[in-house]
C-alpha atoms as a PDB file:
ATOM      1  CA  MET A   1     -44.269 -88.687 -43.883  1.00  0.00           C
ATOM      2  CA  SER A   2     -47.064 -87.862 -45.286  1.00  0.00           C
ATOM      3  CA  GLY A   3     -46.672 -84.542 -46.529  1.00  0.00           C
ATOM      4  CA  VAL A   4     -45.079 -83.595 -43.541  1.00  0.00           C
ATOM      5  CA  LYS A   5     -41.812 -81.484 -43.703  1.00  0.00           C
ATOM      6  CA  THR A   6     -39.452 -79.736 -41.102  1.00  0.00           C
ATOM      7  CA  PRO A   7     -39.191 -77.176 -39.853  1.00  0.00           C
ATOM      8  CA  ILE A   8     -42.552 -77.500 -39.503  1.00  0.00           C
ATOM      9  CA  ILE A   9     -45.478 -74.989 -37.397  1.00  0.00           C
ATOM     10  CA  LEU A  10     -48.191 -77.218 -35.661  1.00  0.00           C
ATOM     11  CA  VAL A  11     -51.218 -75.346 -34.967  1.00  0.00           C
ATOM     12  CA  ASN A  12     -53.478 -76.967 -32.325  1.00  0.00           C
ATOM     13  CA  PHE A  13     -56.863 -75.675 -32.795  1.00  0.00           C
ATOM     14  CA  LYS A  14     -57.855 -77.367 -29.351  1.00  0.00           C
ATOM     15  CA  THR A  15     -61.542 -76.220 -28.226  1.00  0.00           C
ATOM     16  CA  TYR A  16     -60.825 -72.892 -28.789  1.00  0.00           C
ATOM     17  CA  ILE A  17     -64.528 -71.308 -29.757  1.00  0.00           C
ATOM     18  CA  GLU A  18     -62.077 -69.412 -32.442  1.00  0.00           C
ATOM     19  CA  ALA A  19     -61.119 -72.509 -34.466  1.00  0.00           C
ATOM     20  CA  THR A  20     -64.582 -74.302 -34.051  1.00  0.00           C
ATOM     21  CA  GLY A  21     -67.055 -74.785 -36.512  1.00  0.00           C
ATOM     22  CA  ASP A  22     -66.291 -72.183 -39.762  1.00  0.00           C
ATOM     23  CA  ARG A  23     -64.074 -70.390 -37.937  1.00  0.00           C
ATOM     24  CA  ALA A  24     -61.552 -73.302 -38.104  1.00  0.00           C
ATOM     25  CA  LEU A  25     -61.793 -73.148 -41.771  1.00  0.00           C
ATOM     26  CA  LYS A  26     -60.954 -69.869 -42.055  1.00  0.00           C
ATOM     27  CA  LEU A  27     -58.284 -70.717 -39.517  1.00  0.00           C
ATOM     28  CA  ALA A  28     -56.948 -72.923 -41.837  1.00  0.00           C
ATOM     29  CA  GLU A  29     -57.579 -71.150 -44.985  1.00  0.00           C
ATOM     30  CA  ALA A  30     -55.164 -68.483 -43.996  1.00  0.00           C
ATOM     31  CA  ALA A  31     -52.606 -71.113 -42.447  1.00  0.00           C
ATOM     32  CA  SER A  32     -52.731 -72.540 -46.393  1.00  0.00           C
ATOM     33  CA  LYS A  33     -52.104 -69.082 -47.374  1.00  0.00           C
ATOM     34  CA  VAL A  34     -48.865 -68.273 -45.298  1.00  0.00           C
ATOM     35  CA  SER A  35     -47.802 -71.845 -46.448  1.00  0.00           C
ATOM     36  CA  LEU A  36     -47.950 -71.173 -49.938  1.00  0.00           C
ATOM     37  CA  GLU A  37     -46.287 -67.703 -49.881  1.00  0.00           C
ATOM     38  CA  THR A  38     -43.396 -68.753 -47.758  1.00  0.00           C
ATOM     39  CA  GLY A  39     -42.977 -72.307 -48.405  1.00  0.00           C
ATOM     40  CA  VAL A  40     -42.816 -73.579 -44.736  1.00  0.00           C
ATOM     41  CA  CYS A  41     -44.758 -76.977 -43.616  1.00  0.00           C
ATOM     42  CA  ILE A  42     -47.822 -75.674 -41.561  1.00  0.00           C
ATOM     43  CA  GLY A  43     -49.924 -78.534 -40.092  1.00  0.00           C
ATOM     44  CA  LEU A  44     -53.250 -78.007 -38.271  1.00  0.00           C
ATOM     45  CA  ALA A  45     -55.106 -79.993 -35.526  1.00  0.00           C
ATOM     46  CA  PRO A  46     -58.926 -78.962 -35.342  1.00  0.00           C
ATOM     47  CA  GLN A  47     -61.271 -80.697 -33.358  1.00  0.00           C
ATOM     48  CA  ILE A  48     -62.852 -83.794 -34.351  1.00  0.00           C
ATOM     49  CA  ALA A  49     -66.111 -82.927 -35.466  1.00  0.00           C
ATOM     50  CA  ASP A  50     -64.411 -80.284 -37.999  1.00  0.00           C
ATOM     51  CA  LEU A  51     -61.064 -82.901 -38.930  1.00  0.00           C
ATOM     52  CA  ARG A  52     -62.641 -83.571 -42.335  1.00  0.00           C
ATOM     53  CA  MET A  53     -64.162 -80.473 -43.518  1.00  0.00           C
ATOM     54  CA  VAL A  54     -60.424 -79.096 -42.557  1.00  0.00           C
ATOM     55  CA  ALA A  55     -58.860 -81.738 -44.734  1.00  0.00           C
ATOM     56  CA  GLN A  56     -60.793 -81.545 -47.699  1.00  0.00           C
ATOM     57  CA  SER A  57     -60.504 -77.573 -47.272  1.00  0.00           C
ATOM     58  CA  VAL A  58     -56.773 -77.014 -47.255  1.00  0.00           C
ATOM     59  CA  ASP A  59     -53.593 -78.845 -48.858  1.00  0.00           C
ATOM     60  CA  LEU A  60     -52.110 -78.959 -45.317  1.00  0.00           C
ATOM     61  CA  PRO A  61     -50.968 -81.629 -43.540  1.00  0.00           C
ATOM     62  CA  VAL A  62     -54.367 -82.590 -40.797  1.00  0.00           C
ATOM     63  CA  PHE A  63     -52.941 -83.860 -37.361  1.00  0.00           C
ATOM     64  CA  ALA A  64     -56.132 -85.542 -35.003  1.00  0.00           C
ATOM     65  CA  GLN A  65     -55.868 -83.691 -31.514  1.00  0.00           C
ATOM     66  CA  HIS A  66     -56.133 -87.497 -30.064  1.00  0.00           C
ATOM     67  CA  ILE A  67     -56.559 -90.804 -30.848  1.00  0.00           C
ATOM     68  CA  ASP A  68     -57.507 -93.972 -28.754  1.00  0.00           C
ATOM     69  CA  PRO A  69     -55.387 -97.186 -28.734  1.00  0.00           C
ATOM     70  CA  ILE A  70     -58.346 -99.180 -29.694  1.00  0.00           C
ATOM     71  CA  LYS A  71     -59.269-101.534 -32.741  1.00  0.00           C
ATOM     72  CA  PRO A  72     -62.982-101.313 -34.826  1.00  0.00           C
ATOM     73  CA  GLY A  73     -65.732-102.465 -32.618  1.00  0.00           C
ATOM     74  CA  SER A  74     -67.618-101.697 -29.020  1.00  0.00           C
ATOM     75  CA  HIS A  75     -65.844 -98.231 -28.217  1.00  0.00           C
ATOM     76  CA  THR A  76     -68.556 -96.036 -27.807  1.00  0.00           C
ATOM     77  CA  GLY A  77     -67.379 -92.470 -27.100  1.00  0.00           C
ATOM     78  CA  HIS A  78     -63.355 -93.337 -28.529  1.00  0.00           C
ATOM     79  CA  ILE A  79     -61.808 -91.869 -31.187  1.00  0.00           C
ATOM     80  CA  LEU A  80     -61.117 -94.920 -33.543  1.00  0.00           C
ATOM     81  CA  PRO A  81     -57.576 -93.968 -35.345  1.00  0.00           C
ATOM     82  CA  GLU A  82     -59.152 -95.285 -38.779  1.00  0.00           C
ATOM     83  CA  SER A  83     -61.797 -93.023 -38.635  1.00  0.00           C
ATOM     84  CA  VAL A  84     -59.418 -90.410 -38.144  1.00  0.00           C
ATOM     85  CA  LYS A  85     -57.343 -91.503 -41.119  1.00  0.00           C
ATOM     86  CA  SER A  86     -60.831 -91.778 -43.053  1.00  0.00           C
ATOM     87  CA  ALA A  87     -61.781 -88.458 -42.281  1.00  0.00           C
ATOM     88  CA  GLY A  88     -58.329 -86.716 -43.788  1.00  0.00           C
ATOM     89  CA  ALA A  89     -55.673 -86.741 -40.996  1.00  0.00           C
ATOM     90  CA  VAL A  90     -52.015 -87.862 -42.216  1.00  0.00           C
ATOM     91  CA  GLY A  91     -51.021 -87.936 -38.302  1.00  0.00           C
ATOM     92  CA  THR A  92     -51.877 -87.793 -34.659  1.00  0.00           C
ATOM     93  CA  LEU A  93     -51.420 -85.824 -31.626  1.00  0.00           C
ATOM     94  CA  ILE A  94     -50.887 -88.285 -28.544  1.00  0.00           C
ATOM     95  CA  ASN A  95     -50.523 -87.452 -24.679  1.00  0.00           C
ATOM     96  CA  HIS A  96     -50.915 -83.860 -24.848  1.00  0.00           C
ATOM     97  CA  SER A  97     -51.027 -82.187 -20.948  1.00  0.00           C
ATOM     98  CA  GLU A  98     -54.622 -81.582 -21.497  1.00  0.00           C
ATOM     99  CA  ARG A  99     -55.224 -85.356 -22.572  1.00  0.00           C
ATOM    100  CA  ARG A 100     -52.806 -87.277 -20.956  1.00  0.00           C
ATOM    101  CA  LEU A 101     -51.811 -90.916 -20.993  1.00  0.00           C
ATOM    102  CA  LYS A 102     -50.017 -93.788 -19.482  1.00  0.00           C
ATOM    103  CA  LEU A 103     -47.282 -95.053 -20.935  1.00  0.00           C
ATOM    104  CA  ALA A 104     -48.582 -98.034 -22.207  1.00  0.00           C
ATOM    105  CA  ASP A 105     -51.273 -96.959 -23.974  1.00  0.00           C
ATOM    106  CA  ILE A 106     -49.036 -94.212 -25.348  1.00  0.00           C
ATOM    107  CA  ASP A 107     -47.044 -97.572 -26.996  1.00  0.00           C
ATOM    108  CA  ALA A 108     -50.317 -98.828 -27.784  1.00  0.00           C
ATOM    109  CA  ALA A 109     -51.423 -95.658 -29.869  1.00  0.00           C
ATOM    110  CA  ILE A 110     -48.628 -94.834 -31.881  1.00  0.00           C
ATOM    111  CA  ALA A 111     -48.428 -98.730 -32.741  1.00  0.00           C
ATOM    112  CA  ARG A 112     -52.054 -98.324 -34.228  1.00  0.00           C
ATOM    113  CA  ALA A 113     -50.949 -95.412 -35.874  1.00  0.00           C
ATOM    114  CA  ARG A 114     -48.355 -97.099 -37.347  1.00  0.00           C
ATOM    115  CA  GLU A 115     -50.449 -99.801 -38.266  1.00  0.00           C
ATOM    116  CA  LEU A 116     -52.192 -97.072 -40.366  1.00  0.00           C
ATOM    117  CA  GLY A 117     -49.515 -94.919 -41.660  1.00  0.00           C
ATOM    118  CA  LEU A 118     -50.528 -92.280 -39.293  1.00  0.00           C
ATOM    119  CA  VAL A 119     -47.368 -89.759 -38.590  1.00  0.00           C
ATOM    120  CA  THR A 120     -47.207 -89.665 -34.446  1.00  0.00           C
ATOM    121  CA  VAL A 121     -46.853 -86.673 -32.303  1.00  0.00           C
ATOM    122  CA  VAL A 122     -46.192 -87.291 -29.035  1.00  0.00           C
ATOM    123  CA  CYS A 123     -46.272 -84.663 -26.413  1.00  0.00           C
ATOM    124  CA  ALA A 124     -44.225 -84.889 -23.213  1.00  0.00           C
ATOM    125  CA  ASN A 125     -43.894 -82.466 -20.381  1.00  0.00           C
ATOM    126  CA  ASN A 126     -39.837 -83.006 -19.514  1.00  0.00           C
ATOM    127  CA  ALA A 127     -36.574 -84.078 -20.918  1.00  0.00           C
ATOM    128  CA  SER A 128     -37.424 -87.648 -19.198  1.00  0.00           C
ATOM    129  CA  VAL A 129     -40.923 -87.940 -20.304  1.00  0.00           C
ATOM    130  CA  SER A 130     -39.778 -87.028 -23.870  1.00  0.00           C
ATOM    131  CA  ALA A 131     -36.719 -89.603 -23.831  1.00  0.00           C
ATOM    132  CA  ALA A 132     -39.206 -92.604 -22.320  1.00  0.00           C
ATOM    133  CA  SER A 133     -41.382 -91.452 -25.349  1.00  0.00           C
ATOM    134  CA  ALA A 134     -38.564 -91.540 -27.583  1.00  0.00           C
ATOM    135  CA  SER A 135     -37.830 -94.868 -26.868  1.00  0.00           C
ATOM    136  CA  LEU A 136     -41.564 -95.983 -28.478  1.00  0.00           C
ATOM    137  CA  ASN A 137     -40.169 -95.126 -31.836  1.00  0.00           C
ATOM    138  CA  PRO A 138     -42.831 -92.172 -32.402  1.00  0.00           C
ATOM    139  CA  ASN A 139     -42.329 -89.546 -35.238  1.00  0.00           C
ATOM    140  CA  MET A 140     -42.330 -86.639 -33.278  1.00  0.00           C
ATOM    141  CA  ILE A 141     -41.640 -85.342 -29.713  1.00  0.00           C
ATOM    142  CA  ALA A 142     -43.394 -82.320 -28.919  1.00  0.00           C
ATOM    143  CA  VAL A 143     -41.999 -81.105 -25.048  1.00  0.00           C
ATOM    144  CA  GLU A 144     -44.339 -78.945 -23.582  1.00  0.00           C
ATOM    145  CA  PRO A 145     -43.636 -77.879 -19.646  1.00  0.00           C
ATOM    146  CA  PRO A 146     -47.401 -77.531 -18.944  1.00  0.00           C
ATOM    147  CA  GLU A 147     -47.011 -74.441 -16.555  1.00  0.00           C
ATOM    148  CA  LEU A 148     -46.306 -72.629 -19.554  1.00  0.00           C
ATOM    149  CA  ILE A 149     -49.130 -73.636 -21.695  1.00  0.00           C
ATOM    150  CA  GLY A 150     -51.280 -70.556 -22.532  1.00  0.00           C
ATOM    151  CA  THR A 151     -48.934 -68.131 -20.754  1.00  0.00           C
ATOM    152  CA  GLY A 152     -46.929 -66.568 -23.807  1.00  0.00           C
ATOM    153  CA  ILE A 153     -44.314 -67.103 -21.565  1.00  0.00           C
ATOM    154  CA  PRO A 154     -41.846 -69.663 -24.023  1.00  0.00           C
ATOM    155  CA  VAL A 155     -40.301 -72.548 -23.167  1.00  0.00           C
ATOM    156  CA  SER A 156     -37.402 -71.573 -25.385  1.00  0.00           C
ATOM    157  CA  LYS A 157     -36.547 -68.481 -23.469  1.00  0.00           C
ATOM    158  CA  ALA A 158     -37.882 -69.072 -19.805  1.00  0.00           C
ATOM    159  CA  LYS A 159     -36.426 -72.912 -19.737  1.00  0.00           C
ATOM    160  CA  PRO A 160     -34.120 -73.104 -22.297  1.00  0.00           C
ATOM    161  CA  GLU A 161     -32.416 -75.718 -20.537  1.00  0.00           C
ATOM    162  CA  VAL A 162     -36.098 -77.826 -20.760  1.00  0.00           C
ATOM    163  CA  VAL A 163     -35.316 -78.317 -24.520  1.00  0.00           C
ATOM    164  CA  THR A 164     -31.635 -78.629 -24.512  1.00  0.00           C
ATOM    165  CA  ASN A 165     -31.825 -80.942 -21.855  1.00  0.00           C
ATOM    166  CA  THR A 166     -34.617 -83.014 -23.939  1.00  0.00           C
ATOM    167  CA  ILE A 167     -32.951 -82.896 -27.277  1.00  0.00           C
ATOM    168  CA  GLU A 168     -29.831 -84.395 -25.633  1.00  0.00           C
ATOM    169  CA  ASN A 169     -31.776 -87.124 -23.852  1.00  0.00           C
ATOM    170  CA  VAL A 170     -33.719 -87.900 -26.622  1.00  0.00           C
ATOM    171  CA  ARG A 171     -30.972 -88.318 -28.310  1.00  0.00           C
ATOM    172  CA  ARG A 172     -29.117 -90.776 -26.121  1.00  0.00           C
ATOM    173  CA  VAL A 173     -32.169 -93.342 -27.180  1.00  0.00           C
ATOM    174  CA  ASN A 174     -33.646 -92.737 -30.408  1.00  0.00           C
ATOM    175  CA  SER A 175     -31.319 -90.443 -33.155  1.00  0.00           C
ATOM    176  CA  GLU A 176     -34.053 -90.191 -35.429  1.00  0.00           C
ATOM    177  CA  VAL A 177     -37.173 -88.931 -33.737  1.00  0.00           C
ATOM    178  CA  THR A 178     -38.269 -85.098 -34.364  1.00  0.00           C
ATOM    179  CA  ILE A 179     -38.063 -82.970 -31.488  1.00  0.00           C
ATOM    180  CA  LEU A 180     -40.618 -80.082 -31.388  1.00  0.00           C
ATOM    181  CA  CYS A 181     -40.882 -76.948 -28.689  1.00  0.00           C
ATOM    182  CA  GLY A 182     -44.363 -75.893 -27.531  1.00  0.00           C
ATOM    183  CA  ALA A 183     -45.685 -73.759 -24.776  1.00  0.00           C
ATOM    184  CA  GLY A 184     -45.964 -70.431 -24.670  1.00  0.00           C
ATOM    185  CA  ILE A 185     -44.819 -69.533 -27.938  1.00  0.00           C
ATOM    186  CA  THR A 186     -46.155 -66.316 -29.795  1.00  0.00           C
ATOM    187  CA  ASN A 187     -43.923 -64.751 -31.993  1.00  0.00           C
ATOM    188  CA  GLY A 188     -41.108 -64.832 -34.468  1.00  0.00           C
ATOM    189  CA  ASP A 189     -38.251 -64.776 -31.970  1.00  0.00           C
ATOM    190  CA  ASP A 190     -39.983 -67.447 -30.066  1.00  0.00           C
ATOM    191  CA  VAL A 191     -39.888 -69.503 -33.132  1.00  0.00           C
ATOM    192  CA  SER A 192     -36.349 -68.843 -33.854  1.00  0.00           C
ATOM    193  CA  ALA A 193     -35.117 -69.408 -30.287  1.00  0.00           C
ATOM    194  CA  ALA A 194     -36.745 -72.813 -30.490  1.00  0.00           C
ATOM    195  CA  ILE A 195     -34.504 -73.649 -33.480  1.00  0.00           C
ATOM    196  CA  LYS A 196     -31.844 -71.987 -32.328  1.00  0.00           C
ATOM    197  CA  LEU A 197     -31.774 -74.647 -29.775  1.00  0.00           C
ATOM    198  CA  GLY A 198     -32.082 -77.334 -32.182  1.00  0.00           C
ATOM    199  CA  THR A 199     -35.725 -78.266 -32.338  1.00  0.00           C
ATOM    200  CA  GLU A 200     -37.328 -78.771 -35.919  1.00  0.00           C
ATOM    201  CA  GLY A 201     -40.271 -77.292 -35.190  1.00  0.00           C
ATOM    202  CA  VAL A 202     -43.263 -75.773 -33.077  1.00  0.00           C
ATOM    203  CA  LEU A 203     -46.454 -76.652 -31.373  1.00  0.00           C
ATOM    204  CA  VAL A 204     -48.230 -73.629 -31.018  1.00  0.00           C
ATOM    205  CA  ALA A 205     -52.007 -73.039 -29.934  1.00  0.00           C
ATOM    206  CA  SER A 206     -53.437 -70.207 -28.221  1.00  0.00           C
ATOM    207  CA  GLY A 207     -50.623 -67.773 -29.626  1.00  0.00           C
ATOM    208  CA  ILE A 208     -52.177 -68.426 -32.987  1.00  0.00           C
ATOM    209  CA  VAL A 209     -55.564 -69.698 -32.829  1.00  0.00           C
ATOM    210  CA  LYS A 210     -57.030 -66.390 -29.982  1.00  0.00           C
ATOM    211  CA  ALA A 211     -54.614 -64.170 -32.115  1.00  0.00           C
ATOM    212  CA  LYS A 212     -56.240 -60.692 -33.616  1.00  0.00           C
ATOM    213  CA  ASP A 213     -54.831 -61.491 -37.238  1.00  0.00           C
ATOM    214  CA  PRO A 214     -53.779 -65.633 -37.189  1.00  0.00           C
ATOM    215  CA  TYR A 215     -52.502 -64.556 -40.873  1.00  0.00           C
ATOM    216  CA  LYS A 216     -50.211 -62.167 -39.110  1.00  0.00           C
ATOM    217  CA  VAL A 217     -48.585 -64.326 -36.697  1.00  0.00           C
ATOM    218  CA  LEU A 218     -48.297 -67.059 -38.641  1.00  0.00           C
ATOM    219  CA  SER A 219     -46.206 -64.860 -41.195  1.00  0.00           C
ATOM    220  CA  GLU A 220     -44.039 -63.857 -38.264  1.00  0.00           C
ATOM    221  CA  PHE A 221     -43.478 -67.066 -37.660  1.00  0.00           C
ATOM    222  CA  ALA A 222     -42.603 -68.583 -41.288  1.00  0.00           C
ATOM    223  CA  ASP A 223     -40.299 -65.825 -41.710  1.00  0.00           C
ATOM    224  CA  ALA A 224     -38.399 -66.689 -38.255  1.00  0.00           C
ATOM    225  CA  ILE A 225     -38.066 -70.071 -39.669  1.00  0.00           C
ATOM    226  CA  LEU A 226     -36.937 -69.000 -42.984  1.00  0.00           C
ATOM    227  CA  ARG A 227     -34.354 -66.508 -41.391  1.00  0.00           C
ATOM    228  CA  VAL A 228     -32.426 -68.990 -39.054  1.00  0.00           C
END
């Protein structure tokens, strides 16, 4: 999958000021250092304005935070899949809880990404939505209960049944899709818990982006993966 390996740590920069402009580059460089030192795959999802800069500066898989299911033409203000691929993205998030789509639009976005060879990471808030999304054949599903996002309370510990139910439901309809765990992941123990529950990586944001020392926290995450 375009340099994407599992288990993976996928870092969503969101629109945090700590990951904007030059700070996005500094965070990307810290992630690159950890990946080189540990061999763990770390993916980055910077803001669209920073995507090309980040993709050209580090040898890590870079994802768009969103694409619109459109083709080139008159779509002012939308995000064209071709543009993110041209900027250096190897994949994209779809349907993050902060940028939700209707199921038909998720399907269309996956189809557009597939046309261009972009890796798709569909975010879902529970087991049933995850299963419905998995039926559309994305590359990855990331289960993230929205009420836990940004709380520091990891779904892998607070609601492990969400993760295990997701895995069970998804596997009934799609045996190939990669399943990630998100929401509230802040330390190595959270990462270990997610992997032990059967996921193949984590989708994280504030736990890394807003950390005092992102390099240190990423190193802890990577070490936790290696220990499982």
